[in-house]
Amino acid sequence: MKNVAGNWRYGNNKLKFNRDNTINIGNIKLTMTPALCQLMFHSKPQHYTKRDLIKYKDILINTNAHKRHYQPGAQIKGTKAFKYQRVIRPLFNKKSNLLTKGSGLSLKSLDTRNPIYTY
């Protein structure tokens, strides 16, 4: 986003586009790829990989762009928007994370007591 002074910002950090196909977000310098560009600026990103998602998650964590009022301790902005539902929420959802490997079901203990039936 552009602020009133005409400077580009992403979350709570300054954003600077360089001629060598890199961007600076605060103190972080990243190579800009088409997929990363889609994740950062498009409302419905489509062509990206897990590596791009990892970079995008790092950007969100460092800029707090996904938090309310861009505050580090704030709640994640939840909306019904495509990008939030399909990209941001799965990145930060602890129960089903796209970036981790899954495992089988854990074994539960079996209750061998006789059931008590009530009518």
PDB file of N, CA and C in Angstrom:
ATOM      1  N   MET A   1       0.830  -1.186   0.000  1.00  0.00           N
ATOM      2  CA  MET A   1       0.000   0.000   0.000  1.00  0.00           C
ATOM      3  C   MET A   1       0.869   1.242   0.000  1.00  0.00           C
ATOM      4  N   LYS A   2       0.339   2.290  -0.567  1.00  0.00           N
ATOM      5  CA  LYS A   2       1.013   3.578  -0.515  1.00  0.00           C
ATOM      6  C   LYS A   2       0.415   4.398   0.620  1.00  0.00           C
ATOM      7  N   ASN A   3       1.280   5.028   1.409  1.00  0.00           N
ATOM      8  CA  ASN A   3       0.762   5.879   2.467  1.00  0.00           C
ATOM      9  C   ASN A   3       0.600   7.311   1.959  1.00  0.00           C
ATOM     10  N   VAL A   4       0.224   8.220   2.827  1.00  0.00           N
ATOM     11  CA  VAL A   4      -0.061   9.601   2.449  1.00  0.00           C
ATOM     12  C   VAL A   4       1.163  10.286   1.844  1.00  0.00           C
ATOM     13  N   ALA A   5       2.348   9.968   2.337  1.00  0.00           N
ATOM     14  CA  ALA A   5       3.572  10.603   1.844  1.00  0.00           C
ATOM     15  C   ALA A   5       4.022  10.030   0.494  1.00  0.00           C
ATOM     16  N   GLY A   6       3.345   8.988   0.013  1.00  0.00           N
ATOM     17  CA  GLY A   6       3.701   8.404  -1.270  1.00  0.00           C
ATOM     18  C   GLY A   6       4.691   7.272  -1.178  1.00  0.00           C
ATOM     19  N   ASN A   7       5.012   6.832   0.036  1.00  0.00           N
ATOM     20  CA  ASN A   7       5.933   5.712   0.224  1.00  0.00           C
ATOM     21  C   ASN A   7       5.156   4.402   0.248  1.00  0.00           C
ATOM     22  N   TRP A   8       5.745   3.365  -0.312  1.00  0.00           N
ATOM     23  CA  TRP A   8       5.131   2.051  -0.286  1.00  0.00           C
ATOM     24  C   TRP A   8       5.394   1.401   1.065  1.00  0.00           C
ATOM     25  N   ARG A   9       4.363   0.730   1.609  1.00  0.00           N
ATOM     26  CA  ARG A   9       4.487   0.033   2.878  1.00  0.00           C
ATOM     27  C   ARG A   9       3.856  -1.350   2.736  1.00  0.00           C
ATOM     28  N   TYR A  10       4.417  -2.293   3.471  1.00  0.00           N
ATOM     29  CA  TYR A  10       3.824  -3.627   3.549  1.00  0.00           C
ATOM     30  C   TYR A  10       3.764  -3.979   5.022  1.00  0.00           C
ATOM     31  N   GLY A  11       2.574  -4.062   5.555  1.00  0.00           N
ATOM     32  CA  GLY A  11       2.415  -4.237   6.994  1.00  0.00           C
ATOM     33  C   GLY A  11       2.906  -2.999   7.701  1.00  0.00           C
ATOM     34  N   ASN A  12       3.824  -3.165   8.637  1.00  0.00           N
ATOM     35  CA  ASN A  12       4.349  -2.010   9.366  1.00  0.00           C
ATOM     36  C   ASN A  12       5.761  -1.629   8.914  1.00  0.00           C
ATOM     37  N   ASN A  13       6.201  -2.096   7.730  1.00  0.00           N
ATOM     38  CA  ASN A  13       7.540  -1.822   7.235  1.00  0.00           C
ATOM     39  C   ASN A  13       7.511  -1.114   5.882  1.00  0.00           C
ATOM     40  N   LYS A  14       8.597  -0.389   5.605  1.00  0.00           N
ATOM     41  CA  LYS A  14       8.730   0.262   4.309  1.00  0.00           C
ATOM     42  C   LYS A  14       9.034  -0.784   3.246  1.00  0.00           C
ATOM     43  N   LEU A  15       8.504  -0.549   2.074  1.00  0.00           N
ATOM     44  CA  LEU A  15       8.710  -1.444   0.943  1.00  0.00           C
ATOM     45  C   LEU A  15       9.405  -0.667  -0.157  1.00  0.00           C
ATOM     46  N   LYS A  16      10.506  -1.223  -0.657  1.00  0.00           N
ATOM     47  CA  LYS A  16      11.252  -0.545  -1.706  1.00  0.00           C
ATOM     48  C   LYS A  16      11.524  -1.530  -2.830  1.00  0.00           C
ATOM     49  N   PHE A  17      11.163  -1.135  -4.052  1.00  0.00           N
ATOM     50  CA  PHE A  17      11.413  -1.953  -5.232  1.00  0.00           C
ATOM     51  C   PHE A  17      12.761  -1.559  -5.817  1.00  0.00           C
ATOM     52  N   ASN A  18      13.624  -2.541  -6.068  1.00  0.00           N
ATOM     53  CA  ASN A  18      14.944  -2.292  -6.633  1.00  0.00           C
ATOM     54  C   ASN A  18      14.967  -2.703  -8.107  1.00  0.00           C
ATOM     55  N   ARG A  19      15.921  -2.172  -8.849  1.00  0.00           N
ATOM     56  CA  ARG A  19      16.011  -2.476 -10.275  1.00  0.00           C
ATOM     57  C   ARG A  19      16.542  -3.872 -10.560  1.00  0.00           C
ATOM     58  N   ASP A  20      17.200  -4.489  -9.605  1.00  0.00           N
ATOM     59  CA  ASP A  20      17.770  -5.817  -9.828  1.00  0.00           C
ATOM     60  C   ASP A  20      16.787  -6.937  -9.486  1.00  0.00           C
ATOM     61  N   ASN A  21      15.481  -6.660  -9.609  1.00  0.00           N
ATOM     62  CA  ASN A  21      14.410  -7.633  -9.375  1.00  0.00           C
ATOM     63  C   ASN A  21      14.388  -8.115  -7.931  1.00  0.00           C
ATOM     64  N   THR A  22      14.754  -7.237  -7.001  1.00  0.00           N
ATOM     65  CA  THR A  22      14.658  -7.534  -5.584  1.00  0.00           C
ATOM     66  C   THR A  22      13.802  -6.470  -4.916  1.00  0.00           C
ATOM     67  N   ILE A  23      13.340  -6.786  -3.731  1.00  0.00           N
ATOM     68  CA  ILE A  23      12.595  -5.818  -2.929  1.00  0.00           C
ATOM     69  C   ILE A  23      13.197  -5.793  -1.540  1.00  0.00           C
ATOM     70  N   ASN A  24      13.091  -4.664  -0.900  1.00  0.00           N
ATOM     71  CA  ASN A  24      13.475  -4.515   0.502  1.00  0.00           C
ATOM     72  C   ASN A  24      12.204  -4.288   1.301  1.00  0.00           C
ATOM     73  N   ILE A  25      12.010  -5.127   2.288  1.00  0.00           N
ATOM     74  CA  ILE A  25      10.895  -4.951   3.224  1.00  0.00           C
ATOM     75  C   ILE A  25      11.537  -4.737   4.573  1.00  0.00           C
ATOM     76  N   GLY A  26      11.591  -3.505   4.999  1.00  0.00           N
ATOM     77  CA  GLY A  26      12.331  -3.180   6.214  1.00  0.00           C
ATOM     78  C   GLY A  26      13.801  -3.458   5.975  1.00  0.00           C
ATOM     79  N   ASN A  27      14.392  -4.350   6.750  1.00  0.00           N
ATOM     80  CA  ASN A  27      15.802  -4.714   6.602  1.00  0.00           C
ATOM     81  C   ASN A  27      16.002  -6.005   5.808  1.00  0.00           C
ATOM     82  N   ILE A  28      14.930  -6.592   5.309  1.00  0.00           N
ATOM     83  CA  ILE A  28      14.997  -7.859   4.591  1.00  0.00           C
ATOM     84  C   ILE A  28      15.048  -7.597   3.091  1.00  0.00           C
ATOM     85  N   LYS A  29      15.978  -8.270   2.397  1.00  0.00           N
ATOM     86  CA  LYS A  29      16.071  -8.153   0.948  1.00  0.00           C
ATOM     87  C   LYS A  29      15.682  -9.485   0.338  1.00  0.00           C
ATOM     88  N   LEU A  30      14.709  -9.472  -0.572  1.00  0.00           N
ATOM     89  CA  LEU A  30      14.204 -10.687  -1.187  1.00  0.00           C
ATOM     90  C   LEU A  30      14.233 -10.583  -2.702  1.00  0.00           C
ATOM     91  N   THR A  31      14.479 -11.716  -3.357  1.00  0.00           N
ATOM     92  CA  THR A  31      14.355 -11.777  -4.804  1.00  0.00           C
ATOM     93  C   THR A  31      12.877 -11.911  -5.130  1.00  0.00           C
ATOM     94  N   MET A  32      12.403 -11.039  -5.992  1.00  0.00           N
ATOM     95  CA  MET A  32      10.993 -11.040  -6.339  1.00  0.00           C
ATOM     96  C   MET A  32      10.738 -12.045  -7.456  1.00  0.00           C
ATOM     97  N   THR A  33       9.895 -13.014  -7.190  1.00  0.00           N
ATOM     98  CA  THR A  33       9.479 -13.986  -8.195  1.00  0.00           C
ATOM     99  C   THR A  33       8.018 -13.716  -8.544  1.00  0.00           C
ATOM    100  N   PRO A  34       7.552 -14.188  -9.695  1.00  0.00           N
ATOM    101  CA  PRO A  34       6.136 -13.985 -10.031  1.00  0.00           C
ATOM    102  C   PRO A  34       5.186 -14.576  -8.987  1.00  0.00           C
ATOM    103  N   ALA A  35       5.544 -15.736  -8.440  1.00  0.00           N
ATOM    104  CA  ALA A  35       4.681 -16.363  -7.437  1.00  0.00           C
ATOM    105  C   ALA A  35       4.642 -15.549  -6.145  1.00  0.00           C
ATOM    106  N   LEU A  36       5.790 -15.058  -5.715  1.00  0.00           N
ATOM    107  CA  LEU A  36       5.834 -14.244  -4.496  1.00  0.00           C
ATOM    108  C   LEU A  36       5.075 -12.935  -4.705  1.00  0.00           C
ATOM    109  N   CYS A  37       5.174 -12.397  -5.889  1.00  0.00           N
ATOM    110  CA  CYS A  37       4.427 -11.179  -6.231  1.00  0.00           C
ATOM    111  C   CYS A  37       2.925 -11.437  -6.145  1.00  0.00           C
ATOM    112  N   GLN A  38       2.491 -12.588  -6.654  1.00  0.00           N
ATOM    113  CA  GLN A  38       1.072 -12.927  -6.565  1.00  0.00           C
ATOM    114  C   GLN A  38       0.628 -13.069  -5.117  1.00  0.00           C
ATOM    115  N   LEU A  39       1.441 -13.755  -4.309  1.00  0.00           N
ATOM    116  CA  LEU A  39       1.072 -13.952  -2.914  1.00  0.00           C
ATOM    117  C   LEU A  39       1.008 -12.629  -2.155  1.00  0.00           C
ATOM    118  N   MET A  40       1.902 -11.723  -2.471  1.00  0.00           N
ATOM    119  CA  MET A  40       1.948 -10.461  -1.734  1.00  0.00           C
ATOM    120  C   MET A  40       0.877  -9.468  -2.183  1.00  0.00           C
ATOM    121  N   PHE A  41       0.594  -9.393  -3.469  1.00  0.00           N
ATOM    122  CA  PHE A  41      -0.208  -8.287  -3.977  1.00  0.00           C
ATOM    123  C   PHE A  41      -1.535  -8.669  -4.620  1.00  0.00           C
ATOM    124  N   HIS A  42      -1.745  -9.914  -4.998  1.00  0.00           N
ATOM    125  CA  HIS A  42      -2.998 -10.295  -5.646  1.00  0.00           C
ATOM    126  C   HIS A  42      -4.009 -10.773  -4.612  1.00  0.00           C
ATOM    127  N   SER A  43      -5.261 -10.534  -4.878  1.00  0.00           N
ATOM    128  CA  SER A  43      -6.295 -10.972  -3.949  1.00  0.00           C
ATOM    129  C   SER A  43      -6.618 -12.452  -4.126  1.00  0.00           C
ATOM    130  N   LYS A  44      -6.312 -13.003  -5.302  1.00  0.00           N
ATOM    131  CA  LYS A  44      -6.532 -14.428  -5.551  1.00  0.00           C
ATOM    132  C   LYS A  44      -5.287 -15.045  -6.179  1.00  0.00           C
ATOM    133  N   PRO A  45      -4.221 -15.249  -5.387  1.00  0.00           N
ATOM    134  CA  PRO A  45      -3.003 -15.851  -5.952  1.00  0.00           C
ATOM    135  C   PRO A  45      -3.279 -17.284  -6.389  1.00  0.00           C
ATOM    136  N   GLN A  46      -2.654 -17.689  -7.507  1.00  0.00           N
ATOM    137  CA  GLN A  46      -2.945 -19.015  -8.046  1.00  0.00           C
ATOM    138  C   GLN A  46      -1.721 -19.897  -8.233  1.00  0.00           C
ATOM    139  N   HIS A  47      -0.639 -19.373  -8.775  1.00  0.00           N
ATOM    140  CA  HIS A  47       0.511 -20.197  -9.132  1.00  0.00           C
ATOM    141  C   HIS A  47       1.657 -19.954  -8.158  1.00  0.00           C
ATOM    142  N   TYR A  48       1.764 -20.838  -7.155  1.00  0.00           N
ATOM    143  CA  TYR A  48       2.836 -20.723  -6.169  1.00  0.00           C
ATOM    144  C   TYR A  48       3.178 -22.107  -5.643  1.00  0.00           C
ATOM    145  N   THR A  49       4.356 -22.211  -5.043  1.00  0.00           N
ATOM    146  CA  THR A  49       4.834 -23.481  -4.504  1.00  0.00           C
ATOM    147  C   THR A  49       4.926 -23.404  -2.986  1.00  0.00           C
ATOM    148  N   LYS A  50       5.284 -24.511  -2.353  1.00  0.00           N
ATOM    149  CA  LYS A  50       5.463 -24.518  -0.897  1.00  0.00           C
ATOM    150  C   LYS A  50       6.626 -23.610  -0.498  1.00  0.00           C
ATOM    151  N   ARG A  51       7.665 -23.562  -1.331  1.00  0.00           N
ATOM    152  CA  ARG A  51       8.803 -22.674  -1.055  1.00  0.00           C
ATOM    153  C   ARG A  51       8.342 -21.209  -1.044  1.00  0.00           C
ATOM    154  N   ASP A  52       7.466 -20.851  -1.979  1.00  0.00           N
ATOM    155  CA  ASP A  52       6.920 -19.491  -2.008  1.00  0.00           C
ATOM    156  C   ASP A  52       6.070 -19.227  -0.769  1.00  0.00           C
ATOM    157  N   LEU A  53       5.305 -20.223  -0.336  1.00  0.00           N
ATOM    158  CA  LEU A  53       4.490 -20.064   0.867  1.00  0.00           C
ATOM    159  C   LEU A  53       5.360 -19.845   2.104  1.00  0.00           C
ATOM    160  N   ILE A  54       6.487 -20.540   2.167  1.00  0.00           N
ATOM    161  CA  ILE A  54       7.393 -20.368   3.306  1.00  0.00           C
ATOM    162  C   ILE A  54       7.950 -18.948   3.329  1.00  0.00           C
ATOM    163  N   LYS A  55       8.362 -18.446   2.165  1.00  0.00           N
ATOM    164  CA  LYS A  55       8.858 -17.066   2.084  1.00  0.00           C
ATOM    165  C   LYS A  55       7.761 -16.077   2.448  1.00  0.00           C
ATOM    166  N   TYR A  56       6.557 -16.323   1.949  1.00  0.00           N
ATOM    167  CA  TYR A  56       5.437 -15.432   2.233  1.00  0.00           C
ATOM    168  C   TYR A  56       5.101 -15.429   3.724  1.00  0.00           C
ATOM    169  N   LYS A  57       5.144 -16.590   4.361  1.00  0.00           N
ATOM    170  CA  LYS A  57       4.881 -16.662   5.802  1.00  0.00           C
ATOM    171  C   LYS A  57       5.933 -15.872   6.572  1.00  0.00           C
ATOM    172  N   ASP A  58       7.209 -15.986   6.166  1.00  0.00           N
ATOM    173  CA  ASP A  58       8.266 -15.200   6.809  1.00  0.00           C
ATOM    174  C   ASP A  58       8.018 -13.707   6.657  1.00  0.00           C
ATOM    175  N   ILE A  59       7.570 -13.297   5.469  1.00  0.00           N
ATOM    176  CA  ILE A  59       7.267 -11.885   5.240  1.00  0.00           C
ATOM    177  C   ILE A  59       6.142 -11.442   6.165  1.00  0.00           C
ATOM    178  N   LEU A  60       5.089 -12.243   6.261  1.00  0.00           N
ATOM    179  CA  LEU A  60       3.962 -11.889   7.126  1.00  0.00           C
ATOM    180  C   LEU A  60       4.392 -11.790   8.587  1.00  0.00           C
ATOM    181  N   ILE A  61       5.204 -12.721   9.025  1.00  0.00           N
ATOM    182  CA  ILE A  61       5.663 -12.702  10.419  1.00  0.00           C
ATOM    183  C   ILE A  61       6.509 -11.461  10.694  1.00  0.00           C
ATOM    184  N   ASN A  62       7.400 -11.114   9.764  1.00  0.00           N
ATOM    185  CA  ASN A  62       8.290  -9.969   9.969  1.00  0.00           C
ATOM    186  C   ASN A  62       7.599  -8.626   9.818  1.00  0.00           C
ATOM    187  N   THR A  63       6.524  -8.560   9.045  1.00  0.00           N
ATOM    188  CA  THR A  63       5.854  -7.279   8.818  1.00  0.00           C
ATOM    189  C   THR A  63       4.547  -7.138   9.586  1.00  0.00           C
ATOM    190  N   ASN A  64       4.041  -8.228  10.121  1.00  0.00           N
ATOM    191  CA  ASN A  64       2.737  -8.239  10.796  1.00  0.00           C
ATOM    192  C   ASN A  64       1.613  -7.785   9.869  1.00  0.00           C
ATOM    193  N   ALA A  65       1.759  -8.022   8.579  1.00  0.00           N
ATOM    194  CA  ALA A  65       0.752  -7.607   7.605  1.00  0.00           C
ATOM    195  C   ALA A  65      -0.557  -8.376   7.772  1.00  0.00           C
ATOM    196  N   HIS A  66      -0.515  -9.528   8.396  1.00  0.00           N
ATOM    197  CA  HIS A  66      -1.708 -10.349   8.580  1.00  0.00           C
ATOM    198  C   HIS A  66      -2.388 -10.093   9.925  1.00  0.00           C
ATOM    199  N   LYS A  67      -1.841  -9.200  10.733  1.00  0.00           N
ATOM    200  CA  LYS A  67      -2.389  -8.927  12.062  1.00  0.00           C
ATOM    201  C   LYS A  67      -3.212  -7.631  12.067  1.00  0.00           C
ATOM    202  N   ARG A  68      -4.093  -7.522  13.008  1.00  0.00           N
ATOM    203  CA  ARG A  68      -4.897  -6.300  13.135  1.00  0.00           C
ATOM    204  C   ARG A  68      -4.011  -5.142  13.550  1.00  0.00           C
ATOM    205  N   HIS A  69      -4.154  -4.043  12.877  1.00  0.00           N
ATOM    206  CA  HIS A  69      -3.389  -2.815  13.117  1.00  0.00           C
ATOM    207  C   HIS A  69      -1.878  -3.048  13.029  1.00  0.00           C
ATOM    208  N   TYR A  70      -1.475  -4.147  12.387  1.00  0.00           N
ATOM    209  CA  TYR A  70      -0.058  -4.498  12.174  1.00  0.00           C
ATOM    210  C   TYR A  70       0.718  -4.589  13.479  1.00  0.00           C
ATOM    211  N   GLN A  71       0.061  -4.952  14.560  1.00  0.00           N
ATOM    212  CA  GLN A  71       0.692  -5.072  15.869  1.00  0.00           C
ATOM    213  C   GLN A  71       1.120  -6.517  16.102  1.00  0.00           C
ATOM    214  N   PRO A  72       2.340  -6.754  16.608  1.00  0.00           N
ATOM    215  CA  PRO A  72       2.848  -8.118  16.780  1.00  0.00           C
ATOM    216  C   PRO A  72       1.973  -9.008  17.668  1.00  0.00           C
ATOM    217  N   GLY A  73       1.418  -8.476  18.740  1.00  0.00           N
ATOM    218  CA  GLY A  73       0.629  -9.299  19.648  1.00  0.00           C
ATOM    219  C   GLY A  73      -0.844  -9.348  19.310  1.00  0.00           C
ATOM    220  N   ALA A  74      -1.234  -8.717  18.219  1.00  0.00           N
ATOM    221  CA  ALA A  74      -2.648  -8.632  17.865  1.00  0.00           C
ATOM    222  C   ALA A  74      -3.141  -9.935  17.240  1.00  0.00           C
ATOM    223  N   GLN A  75      -4.452 -10.019  17.128  1.00  0.00           N
ATOM    224  CA  GLN A  75      -5.097 -11.175  16.535  1.00  0.00           C
ATOM    225  C   GLN A  75      -4.923 -11.140  15.011  1.00  0.00           C
ATOM    226  N   ILE A  76      -4.894 -12.306  14.391  1.00  0.00           N
ATOM    227  CA  ILE A  76      -4.825 -12.371  12.926  1.00  0.00           C
ATOM    228  C   ILE A  76      -6.141 -11.875  12.363  1.00  0.00           C
ATOM    229  N   LYS A  77      -6.046 -11.042  11.313  1.00  0.00           N
ATOM    230  CA  LYS A  77      -7.245 -10.519  10.670  1.00  0.00           C
ATOM    231  C   LYS A  77      -7.981 -11.669   9.991  1.00  0.00           C
ATOM    232  N   GLY A  78      -9.164 -11.927  10.399  1.00  0.00           N
ATOM    233  CA  GLY A  78      -9.947 -12.997   9.789  1.00  0.00           C
ATOM    234  C   GLY A  78     -11.040 -12.417   8.913  1.00  0.00           C
ATOM    235  N   THR A  79     -11.086 -12.852   7.675  1.00  0.00           N
ATOM    236  CA  THR A  79     -12.112 -12.391   6.753  1.00  0.00           C
ATOM    237  C   THR A  79     -12.609 -13.567   5.928  1.00  0.00           C
ATOM    238  N   LYS A  80     -13.603 -13.317   5.108  1.00  0.00           N
ATOM    239  CA  LYS A  80     -14.105 -14.335   4.198  1.00  0.00           C
ATOM    240  C   LYS A  80     -13.438 -14.226   2.833  1.00  0.00           C
ATOM    241  N   ALA A  81     -12.416 -13.399   2.732  1.00  0.00           N
ATOM    242  CA  ALA A  81     -11.722 -13.194   1.466  1.00  0.00           C
ATOM    243  C   ALA A  81     -11.004 -14.472   1.043  1.00  0.00           C
ATOM    244  N   PHE A  82     -10.896 -14.663  -0.259  1.00  0.00           N
ATOM    245  CA  PHE A  82     -10.249 -15.829  -0.832  1.00  0.00           C
ATOM    246  C   PHE A  82      -8.837 -16.013  -0.289  1.00  0.00           C
ATOM    247  N   LYS A  83      -8.053 -14.942  -0.288  1.00  0.00           N
ATOM    248  CA  LYS A  83      -6.650 -15.027   0.125  1.00  0.00           C
ATOM    249  C   LYS A  83      -6.518 -15.445   1.587  1.00  0.00           C
ATOM    250  N   TYR A  84      -7.355 -14.918   2.439  1.00  0.00           N
ATOM    251  CA  TYR A  84      -7.294 -15.312   3.847  1.00  0.00           C
ATOM    252  C   TYR A  84      -7.704 -16.773   4.010  1.00  0.00           C
ATOM    253  N   GLN A  85      -8.824 -17.149   3.404  1.00  0.00           N
ATOM    254  CA  GLN A  85      -9.356 -18.499   3.571  1.00  0.00           C
ATOM    255  C   GLN A  85      -8.436 -19.574   2.998  1.00  0.00           C
ATOM    256  N   ARG A  86      -7.840 -19.320   1.826  1.00  0.00           N
ATOM    257  CA  ARG A  86      -7.067 -20.347   1.129  1.00  0.00           C
ATOM    258  C   ARG A  86      -5.563 -20.279   1.347  1.00  0.00           C
ATOM    259  N   VAL A  87      -5.031 -19.124   1.773  1.00  0.00           N
ATOM    260  CA  VAL A  87      -3.584 -18.981   1.890  1.00  0.00           C
ATOM    261  C   VAL A  87      -3.164 -18.676   3.326  1.00  0.00           C
ATOM    262  N   ILE A  88      -3.651 -17.584   3.893  1.00  0.00           N
ATOM    263  CA  ILE A  88      -3.147 -17.109   5.181  1.00  0.00           C
ATOM    264  C   ILE A  88      -3.592 -17.995   6.342  1.00  0.00           C
ATOM    265  N   ARG A  89      -4.859 -18.320   6.409  1.00  0.00           N
ATOM    266  CA  ARG A  89      -5.338 -19.136   7.528  1.00  0.00           C
ATOM    267  C   ARG A  89      -4.655 -20.500   7.592  1.00  0.00           C
ATOM    268  N   PRO A  90      -4.508 -21.230   6.474  1.00  0.00           N
ATOM    269  CA  PRO A  90      -3.785 -22.507   6.564  1.00  0.00           C
ATOM    270  C   PRO A  90      -2.319 -22.358   6.985  1.00  0.00           C
ATOM    271  N   LEU A  91      -1.682 -21.228   6.660  1.00  0.00           N
ATOM    272  CA  LEU A  91      -0.292 -21.029   7.066  1.00  0.00           C
ATOM    273  C   LEU A  91      -0.149 -20.933   8.573  1.00  0.00           C
ATOM    274  N   PHE A  92      -1.135 -20.343   9.232  1.00  0.00           N
ATOM    275  CA  PHE A  92      -1.040 -20.097  10.669  1.00  0.00           C
ATOM    276  C   PHE A  92      -1.957 -20.990  11.493  1.00  0.00           C
ATOM    277  N   ASN A  93      -2.641 -21.918  10.864  1.00  0.00           N
ATOM    278  CA  ASN A  93      -3.518 -22.831  11.571  1.00  0.00           C
ATOM    279  C   ASN A  93      -2.666 -23.944  12.167  1.00  0.00           C
ATOM    280  N   LYS A  94      -2.677 -24.073  13.476  1.00  0.00           N
ATOM    281  CA  LYS A  94      -1.829 -25.051  14.154  1.00  0.00           C
ATOM    282  C   LYS A  94      -2.324 -26.482  13.940  1.00  0.00           C
ATOM    283  N   LYS A  95      -3.627 -26.651  13.719  1.00  0.00           N
ATOM    284  CA  LYS A  95      -4.177 -27.992  13.573  1.00  0.00           C
ATOM    285  C   LYS A  95      -3.849 -28.609  12.221  1.00  0.00           C
ATOM    286  N   SER A  96      -3.963 -27.832  11.152  1.00  0.00           N
ATOM    287  CA  SER A  96      -3.685 -28.373   9.818  1.00  0.00           C
ATOM    288  C   SER A  96      -2.766 -27.413   9.083  1.00  0.00           C
ATOM    289  N   ASN A  97      -1.474 -27.615   9.240  1.00  0.00           N
ATOM    290  CA  ASN A  97      -0.490 -26.741   8.611  1.00  0.00           C
ATOM    291  C   ASN A  97      -0.051 -27.350   7.284  1.00  0.00           C
ATOM    292  N   LEU A  98      -0.081 -26.569   6.211  1.00  0.00           N
ATOM    293  CA  LEU A  98       0.308 -27.047   4.893  1.00  0.00           C
ATOM    294  C   LEU A  98       1.801 -27.340   4.800  1.00  0.00           C
ATOM    295  N   LEU A  99       2.584 -26.743   5.661  1.00  0.00           N
ATOM    296  CA  LEU A  99       4.025 -26.828   5.532  1.00  0.00           C
ATOM    297  C   LEU A  99       4.643 -27.955   6.348  1.00  0.00           C
ATOM    298  N   THR A 100       3.852 -28.711   7.077  1.00  0.00           N
ATOM    299  CA  THR A 100       4.401 -29.800   7.874  1.00  0.00           C
ATOM    300  C   THR A 100       3.908 -31.124   7.336  1.00  0.00           C
ATOM    301  N   LYS A 101       4.635 -32.167   7.645  1.00  0.00           N
ATOM    302  CA  LYS A 101       4.238 -33.500   7.221  1.00  0.00           C
ATOM    303  C   LYS A 101       3.240 -34.060   8.212  1.00  0.00           C
ATOM    304  N   GLY A 102       2.342 -34.876   7.723  1.00  0.00           N
ATOM    305  CA  GLY A 102       1.321 -35.457   8.568  1.00  0.00           C
ATOM    306  C   GLY A 102       1.772 -36.767   9.171  1.00  0.00           C
ATOM    307  N   SER A 103       0.956 -37.290  10.035  1.00  0.00           N
ATOM    308  CA  SER A 103       1.223 -38.586  10.639  1.00  0.00           C
ATOM    309  C   SER A 103      -0.108 -39.304  10.779  1.00  0.00           C
ATOM    310  N   GLY A 104      -0.043 -40.564  11.115  1.00  0.00           N
ATOM    311  CA  GLY A 104      -1.257 -41.354  11.275  1.00  0.00           C
ATOM    312  C   GLY A 104      -2.017 -40.982  12.532  1.00  0.00           C
ATOM    313  N   LEU A 105      -3.134 -41.624  12.712  1.00  0.00           N
ATOM    314  CA  LEU A 105      -3.939 -41.377  13.900  1.00  0.00           C
ATOM    315  C   LEU A 105      -3.249 -41.971  15.122  1.00  0.00           C
ATOM    316  N   SER A 106      -3.358 -41.287  16.235  1.00  0.00           N
ATOM    317  CA  SER A 106      -2.778 -41.828  17.463  1.00  0.00           C
ATOM    318  C   SER A 106      -3.751 -42.847  18.057  1.00  0.00           C
ATOM    319  N   LEU A 107      -3.219 -43.823  18.746  1.00  0.00           N
ATOM    320  CA  LEU A 107      -4.058 -44.852  19.346  1.00  0.00           C
ATOM    321  C   LEU A 107      -4.716 -44.311  20.609  1.00  0.00           C
ATOM    322  N   LYS A 108      -5.954 -44.576  20.745  1.00  0.00           N
ATOM    323  CA  LYS A 108      -6.703 -44.177  21.933  1.00  0.00           C
ATOM    324  C   LYS A 108      -6.854 -45.392  22.835  1.00  0.00           C
ATOM    325  N   SER A 109      -6.956 -45.172  24.123  1.00  0.00           N
ATOM    326  CA  SER A 109      -7.156 -46.306  25.028  1.00  0.00           C
ATOM    327  C   SER A 109      -8.604 -46.781  24.901  1.00  0.00           C
ATOM    328  N   LEU A 110      -8.770 -48.039  24.992  1.00  0.00           N
ATOM    329  CA  LEU A 110     -10.080 -48.641  24.831  1.00  0.00           C
ATOM    330  C   LEU A 110     -10.687 -48.861  26.208  1.00  0.00           C
ATOM    331  N   ASP A 111     -11.908 -48.414  26.387  1.00  0.00           N
ATOM    332  CA  ASP A 111     -12.611 -48.597  27.651  1.00  0.00           C
ATOM    333  C   ASP A 111     -13.273 -49.963  27.629  1.00  0.00           C
ATOM    334  N   THR A 112     -12.806 -50.867  28.480  1.00  0.00           N
ATOM    335  CA  THR A 112     -13.317 -52.246  28.486  1.00  0.00           C
ATOM    336  C   THR A 112     -14.420 -52.458  29.526  1.00  0.00           C
ATOM    337  N   ARG A 113     -14.787 -51.420  30.243  1.00  0.00           N
ATOM    338  CA  ARG A 113     -15.862 -51.578  31.229  1.00  0.00           C
ATOM    339  C   ARG A 113     -17.180 -51.804  30.510  1.00  0.00           C
ATOM    340  N   ASN A 114     -18.088 -52.475  31.206  1.00  0.00           N
ATOM    341  CA  ASN A 114     -19.413 -52.686  30.630  1.00  0.00           C
ATOM    342  C   ASN A 114     -20.150 -51.359  30.565  1.00  0.00           C
ATOM    343  N   PRO A 115     -20.787 -51.080  29.431  1.00  0.00           N
ATOM    344  CA  PRO A 115     -21.518 -49.805  29.336  1.00  0.00           C
ATOM    345  C   PRO A 115     -22.762 -49.832  30.228  1.00  0.00           C
ATOM    346  N   ILE A 116     -23.142 -48.698  30.738  1.00  0.00           N
ATOM    347  CA  ILE A 116     -24.331 -48.553  31.562  1.00  0.00           C
ATOM    348  C   ILE A 116     -25.419 -47.955  30.672  1.00  0.00           C
ATOM    349  N   TYR A 117     -26.492 -48.704  30.508  1.00  0.00           N
ATOM    350  CA  TYR A 117     -27.584 -48.249  29.672  1.00  0.00           C
ATOM    351  C   TYR A 117     -28.676 -47.653  30.543  1.00  0.00           C
ATOM    352  N   THR A 118     -29.193 -46.528  30.164  1.00  0.00           N
ATOM    353  CA  THR A 118     -30.318 -45.931  30.880  1.00  0.00           C
ATOM    354  C   THR A 118     -31.452 -45.759  29.881  1.00  0.00           C
ATOM    355  N   TYR A 119     -32.660 -46.045  30.364  1.00  0.00           N
ATOM    356  CA  TYR A 119     -33.828 -45.920  29.513  1.00  0.00           C
ATOM    357  C   TYR A 119     -34.644 -44.734  29.913  1.00  0.00           C
TER     358      TYR A 119
END
